[in-house]
Structure formats: C-alpha cells, structure tokens
Amino acid sequence: MERSVSATAFFTVLVGDFSEKLKMPRAFVTHFNGPALCKLQGPTGKSWDVKLEEKNNEIFFHKGWKKFLKDNFLDGGDFLVFNYDGDSCFSVTIYDESSCEMDMEVAKTKRSGGGRRRDHIWPGESRIIEFNSKHFCFKRTFTKHKLYQLTIPIKIVRAKLQMSKQILELRDPKNMSWPVTATPIPDGRLLMTTGWCDCCKANKIEEGHTIVFEFVKGHVKLHIFRSEGCNVILTGPNVID
C-alpha cells in the first residue's frame, strides 16, 4: 500500500451491499500511503480499529468495519465524509436523511429498535422482526424462481389494484423508482414480470432475503431484510401474511 500522499479526504454514500466492507474511492487510493490497520474515529470521538483489505488495486475497510457500522447506527442512504490525518486515522462525519450531521442520541433511539424500522439486519443476526403497517402489505422470502417472477396476492389485487395488465411503481429503500409490469393470471393474482428482475439485480436481492411489499399511496414500497436468520412478522389491519 505504499503510495504518495496527496488527497486527505473523501466522501461516500452508503448504498448497495456495504454491511461487510466499504471500498475507498479509486482517486483517493491513488494517493493513499497508510498502514494495513487504521482507526475510524466516529462523531462521539470514539475510535474503532479497522483492517484494510487490498484486492485488484482496490482498498476496502474490512475487518472491524461492520462493528463501526452497528455502533454508529448507520443505515442505507447515509452520507459519510472521511478525513485522513496522513498517518493511520480517519475522522468520520456522518450525515443522515435530513442532510444534516447525524444526532447520535436521536439515531440511537430511532435506529436501534425504536421509532425507525430497519430495512435490513446485519449478517449473522438471528431474530424476529415485527413489521407494523396500516397499509396493505405482504412479504416474500425469495427463492431463485421469485427473482424473475412474483405474484401479488388476490386479496391485495381486489383491494388496491385492477384485474388488468398495468404498470406498478416500486420504490426501493433508496427511494429509487422501478416501473414493473403486472399481468393478471387465471386464479385472480397479478404476476410481476418486466422490470422486476432489474429491480432485484440493482438492489442485490438474493435467495434467502425477505422483502415486505407495502402498498402506500401511489406506489409500492420495498423493505429488504437480507439475513437468512431473520423471521419477519407482519402486523396491522391490512397485512396478508
């Protein structure tokens, strides 16, 4: 990892699969001259030891990164600024969905089982997650077949949709919109086809992941739970489980 030092800071947005490791931007790596073990200093001043992994001329925060994520209540869409001291420490500033610096006390309450519902759990966790909604919703734990085609339950079709070919707007956890074709089949359900596979690939949905489909006003919101060890329980007046 011996390289000349020039760049001293970079930013990244937490998207995709960032739970195990995080890649440094290539432009920063070009100038990086640091040890294989570094420290990440969070907003509270506490530091975490994180081992760097070099692979195919890329550098990743790896061993220790997952603990840094969990201890700082980080979630998809958070914006992180890494300031490098030129030696072995990165000072990390965290901005949340408000576009302001994260209030760690508020995040601790909202993101550790309080008011905010997490749309993923960390690899290795095994627990029950209660998903409560006032909207119509259903869940699916994915098999290889469901990654290409998926059916919407007849009760939701009757309550929220039409028994005709239509385009549904799906919104993923990053609030990106995905138009998906839904076609009626003889038993009264709707089959999601064109567009669904693209949504799965972009969100790295794999076998064993569980997704809750929540029919809010004007679109279907996707909540993705990526650990095979989780059991998602739907609660509310309009859940189809």
Protein backbone atom coordinates (compact mmCIF):
# COMPACT_ATOMS: atom_id res chain seq x y z
CA MET A 1 0.00 0.00 0.00
CA GLU A 2 2.98 2.33 -0.40
CA ARG A 3 1.77 5.31 -2.41
CA SER A 4 2.47 9.04 -2.33
CA VAL A 5 0.23 11.16 -0.13
CA SER A 6 -1.90 13.90 -1.66
CA ALA A 7 -5.66 13.58 -1.12
CA THR A 8 -6.69 13.91 2.53
CA ALA A 9 -10.46 13.39 2.41
CA PHE A 10 -13.26 11.68 0.52
CA PHE A 11 -16.99 11.09 0.87
CA THR A 12 -19.26 8.14 0.17
CA VAL A 13 -22.97 7.36 0.29
CA LEU A 14 -23.96 4.03 1.84
CA VAL A 15 -25.76 2.18 -0.94
CA GLY A 16 -25.84 -1.42 -2.10
CA ASP A 17 -24.09 -4.08 -0.03
CA PHE A 18 -21.96 -2.13 2.46
CA SER A 19 -22.53 -4.35 5.51
CA GLU A 20 -19.27 -6.35 5.33
CA LYS A 21 -16.80 -3.88 3.81
CA LEU A 22 -16.56 -0.47 2.14
CA LYS A 23 -14.44 0.43 -0.88
CA MET A 24 -12.34 3.57 -0.88
CA PRO A 25 -12.74 5.76 -3.98
CA ARG A 26 -10.11 4.94 -6.61
CA ALA A 27 -8.98 8.57 -6.83
CA PHE A 28 -8.17 8.53 -3.10
CA VAL A 29 -6.45 5.14 -3.25
CA THR A 30 -4.05 6.53 -5.87
CA HIS A 31 -2.66 8.89 -3.22
CA PHE A 32 -3.06 6.71 -0.15
CA ASN A 33 0.01 5.78 1.87
CA GLY A 34 -1.30 4.20 5.02
CA PRO A 35 -0.83 1.08 7.12
CA ALA A 36 -2.91 -2.09 6.81
CA LEU A 37 -4.59 -1.29 10.13
CA CYS A 38 -6.28 2.07 10.63
CA LYS A 39 -8.62 3.76 13.06
CA LEU A 40 -12.02 5.20 12.27
CA GLN A 41 -12.97 7.98 14.67
CA GLY A 42 -16.72 8.50 14.92
CA PRO A 43 -18.68 11.66 15.77
CA THR A 44 -18.50 10.93 19.52
CA GLY A 45 -14.69 10.80 19.47
CA LYS A 46 -14.56 7.05 20.00
CA SER A 47 -12.30 5.09 17.65
CA TRP A 48 -12.59 1.66 16.06
CA ASP A 49 -9.71 -0.44 14.72
CA VAL A 50 -10.40 -1.46 11.12
CA LYS A 51 -8.21 -3.64 8.93
CA LEU A 52 -7.77 -2.64 5.31
CA GLU A 53 -8.01 -5.18 2.52
CA GLU A 54 -6.27 -4.68 -0.82
CA LYS A 55 -7.65 -6.58 -3.81
CA ASN A 56 -7.23 -5.92 -7.55
CA ASN A 57 -5.74 -2.48 -6.86
CA GLU A 58 -8.76 -1.56 -4.74
CA ILE A 59 -8.70 -0.93 -0.98
CA PHE A 60 -11.58 -1.77 1.37
CA PHE A 61 -12.37 -1.07 5.00
CA HIS A 62 -12.91 -4.69 6.07
CA LYS A 63 -12.41 -6.37 9.46
CA GLY A 64 -13.86 -4.04 12.07
CA TRP A 65 -15.98 -2.11 9.56
CA LYS A 66 -19.16 -4.00 10.46
CA LYS A 67 -18.77 -3.09 14.14
CA PHE A 68 -18.22 0.55 13.23
CA LEU A 69 -21.48 0.46 11.24
CA LYS A 70 -23.51 -1.08 14.04
CA ASP A 71 -22.06 1.04 16.85
CA ASN A 72 -22.80 4.25 14.91
CA PHE A 73 -26.33 3.16 13.85
CA LEU A 74 -25.56 3.64 10.15
CA ASP A 75 -28.15 2.87 7.51
CA GLY A 76 -28.57 2.90 3.73
CA GLY A 77 -28.51 6.40 2.27
CA ASP A 78 -26.31 7.91 4.99
CA PHE A 79 -23.58 10.26 3.70
CA LEU A 80 -20.11 9.85 5.22
CA VAL A 81 -17.09 12.16 4.98
CA PHE A 82 -13.69 10.58 5.77
CA ASN A 83 -10.90 13.00 6.74
CA TYR A 84 -7.49 11.32 6.77
CA ASP A 85 -4.79 12.57 9.17
CA GLY A 86 -1.94 11.33 6.96
CA ASP A 87 -0.94 8.63 9.42
CA SER A 88 -3.45 5.94 10.40
CA CYS A 89 -6.69 7.63 11.46
CA PHE A 90 -9.81 8.65 9.55
CA SER A 91 -12.18 11.09 11.24
CA VAL A 92 -15.70 10.27 10.02
CA THR A 93 -18.52 12.81 9.83
CA ILE A 94 -22.00 11.32 9.31
CA TYR A 95 -24.96 12.99 7.61
CA ASP A 96 -28.37 11.29 7.70
CA GLU A 97 -31.55 11.60 5.62
CA SER A 98 -32.12 15.13 6.99
CA SER A 99 -28.98 16.28 5.06
CA CYS A 100 -27.56 17.45 8.39
CA GLU A 101 -25.00 15.89 10.71
CA MET A 102 -26.50 12.91 12.48
CA ASP A 103 -27.59 13.42 16.08
CA MET A 104 -26.19 10.26 17.66
CA GLU A 105 -28.59 10.26 20.59
CA VAL A 106 -31.58 10.54 18.27
CA ALA A 107 -30.13 7.85 15.98
CA LYS A 108 -29.61 5.54 18.96
CA THR A 109 -33.30 5.81 19.80
CA LYS A 110 -34.70 5.62 16.28
CA ARG A 111 -32.35 3.08 14.70
CA SER A 112 -31.78 0.53 17.42
CA GLY A 113 -35.31 -0.83 17.66
CA GLY A 114 -37.18 2.39 18.46
CA GLY A 115 -39.21 4.53 16.10
CA ARG A 116 -37.43 3.84 12.83
CA ARG A 117 -37.86 0.45 11.22
CA ARG A 118 -34.62 -1.03 9.87
CA ASP A 119 -34.94 -2.44 6.36
CA HIS A 120 -32.01 -4.79 6.82
CA ILE A 121 -30.32 -6.76 9.58
CA TRP A 122 -26.65 -7.48 9.83
CA PRO A 123 -25.22 -10.80 8.61
CA GLY A 124 -25.09 -13.34 11.44
CA GLU A 125 -28.04 -11.91 13.34
CA SER A 126 -30.93 -14.25 14.07
CA ARG A 127 -34.06 -12.67 15.44
CA ILE A 128 -37.71 -11.86 14.95
CA ILE A 129 -38.55 -8.52 13.34
CA GLU A 130 -42.04 -7.09 13.74
CA PHE A 131 -43.15 -5.02 10.76
CA ASN A 132 -46.20 -2.93 11.59
CA SER A 133 -48.11 -1.01 8.93
CA LYS A 134 -51.55 0.49 8.44
CA HIS A 135 -51.23 -0.15 4.70
CA PHE A 136 -51.89 -3.29 2.72
CA CYS A 137 -48.71 -5.34 2.61
CA PHE A 138 -47.35 -8.82 2.09
CA LYS A 139 -43.95 -10.49 2.34
CA ARG A 140 -41.94 -12.97 0.33
CA THR A 141 -38.78 -14.86 1.23
CA PHE A 142 -37.00 -15.30 -2.04
CA THR A 143 -36.18 -18.39 -3.99
CA LYS A 144 -34.39 -18.41 -7.34
CA HIS A 145 -37.75 -18.56 -9.17
CA LYS A 146 -39.15 -15.49 -7.38
CA LEU A 147 -36.16 -13.42 -8.50
CA TYR A 148 -37.62 -13.44 -12.02
CA GLN A 149 -41.40 -13.55 -11.49
CA LEU A 150 -43.52 -12.84 -8.43
CA THR A 151 -47.27 -12.87 -7.75
CA ILE A 152 -49.32 -10.35 -5.81
CA PRO A 153 -51.96 -11.96 -3.50
CA ILE A 154 -55.54 -11.83 -4.73
CA LYS A 155 -56.77 -10.00 -1.59
CA ILE A 156 -54.44 -7.09 -2.34
CA VAL A 157 -55.37 -7.14 -6.04
CA ARG A 158 -59.06 -6.81 -5.13
CA ALA A 159 -58.45 -4.07 -2.54
CA LYS A 160 -55.78 -1.91 -4.21
CA LEU A 161 -55.36 -2.80 -7.88
CA GLN A 162 -57.26 -3.73 -11.03
CA MET A 163 -57.70 -7.11 -12.69
CA SER A 164 -55.97 -5.94 -15.85
CA LYS A 165 -52.44 -5.52 -17.16
CA GLN A 166 -50.85 -2.48 -15.53
CA ILE A 167 -47.60 -0.78 -14.57
CA LEU A 168 -46.77 -0.63 -10.86
CA GLU A 169 -44.27 1.80 -9.40
CA LEU A 170 -41.96 0.07 -6.91
CA ARG A 171 -39.69 2.17 -4.69
CA ASP A 172 -36.63 0.59 -3.12
CA PRO A 173 -35.05 1.56 0.25
CA LYS A 174 -33.03 4.28 -1.54
CA ASN A 175 -36.33 5.70 -2.87
CA MET A 176 -35.43 4.84 -6.45
CA SER A 177 -38.44 4.17 -8.67
CA TRP A 178 -38.86 0.95 -10.67
CA PRO A 179 -41.75 0.56 -13.17
CA VAL A 180 -42.83 -3.09 -13.19
CA THR A 181 -45.42 -4.76 -15.42
CA ALA A 182 -48.15 -6.71 -13.58
CA THR A 183 -50.29 -9.12 -15.60
CA PRO A 184 -53.43 -10.97 -14.38
CA ILE A 185 -53.33 -14.77 -14.22
CA PRO A 186 -56.37 -17.12 -14.14
CA ASP A 187 -56.56 -17.51 -10.33
CA GLY A 188 -57.01 -13.74 -9.81
CA ARG A 189 -53.48 -12.84 -8.77
CA LEU A 190 -51.19 -10.45 -10.63
CA LEU A 191 -47.84 -11.65 -11.92
CA MET A 192 -44.96 -9.12 -11.82
CA THR A 193 -42.69 -9.65 -14.82
CA THR A 194 -40.94 -6.97 -16.90
CA GLY A 195 -38.89 -4.66 -14.69
CA TRP A 196 -38.94 -6.89 -11.61
CA CYS A 197 -35.69 -8.69 -12.44
CA ASP A 198 -33.92 -5.35 -12.99
CA CYS A 199 -35.10 -4.14 -9.58
CA CYS A 200 -33.79 -7.33 -7.94
CA LYS A 201 -30.39 -7.03 -9.59
CA ALA A 202 -29.96 -3.34 -8.74
CA ASN A 203 -30.85 -3.98 -5.08
CA LYS A 204 -28.76 -7.18 -4.91
CA ILE A 205 -31.75 -9.26 -3.82
CA GLU A 206 -30.73 -12.89 -3.45
CA GLU A 207 -32.15 -16.23 -2.38
CA GLY A 208 -32.98 -16.18 1.34
CA HIS A 209 -33.70 -12.44 1.51
CA THR A 210 -37.14 -11.38 2.73
CA ILE A 211 -38.96 -8.42 1.20
CA VAL A 212 -42.08 -6.69 2.51
CA PHE A 213 -44.21 -5.07 -0.20
CA GLU A 214 -46.09 -2.12 1.31
CA PHE A 215 -48.85 -0.54 -0.80
CA VAL A 216 -48.71 3.12 0.16
CA LYS A 217 -50.42 5.90 -1.78
CA GLY A 218 -49.44 5.77 -5.43
CA HIS A 219 -46.64 3.21 -5.22
CA VAL A 220 -45.34 0.02 -3.60
CA LYS A 221 -42.54 0.49 -1.08
CA LEU A 222 -39.97 -2.31 -0.74
CA HIS A 223 -38.44 -3.16 2.64
CA ILE A 224 -35.49 -5.54 2.28
CA PHE A 225 -34.28 -7.84 5.08
CA ARG A 226 -31.09 -9.52 3.95
CA SER A 227 -30.24 -12.03 6.67
CA GLU A 228 -31.42 -15.62 6.34
CA GLY A 229 -31.66 -15.74 10.12
CA CYS A 230 -34.50 -13.23 10.42
CA ASN A 231 -38.19 -14.00 10.76
CA VAL A 232 -40.30 -11.03 9.65
CA ILE A 233 -43.73 -10.88 11.29
CA LEU A 234 -46.32 -8.58 9.69
CA THR A 235 -48.77 -6.81 11.98
CA GLY A 236 -51.53 -4.33 11.18
CA PRO A 237 -55.13 -4.22 9.93
CA ASN A 238 -54.34 -4.94 6.26
CA VAL A 239 -51.47 -7.42 6.23
CA ILE A 240 -51.55 -10.51 4.04
CA ASP A 241 -49.08 -12.97 5.52
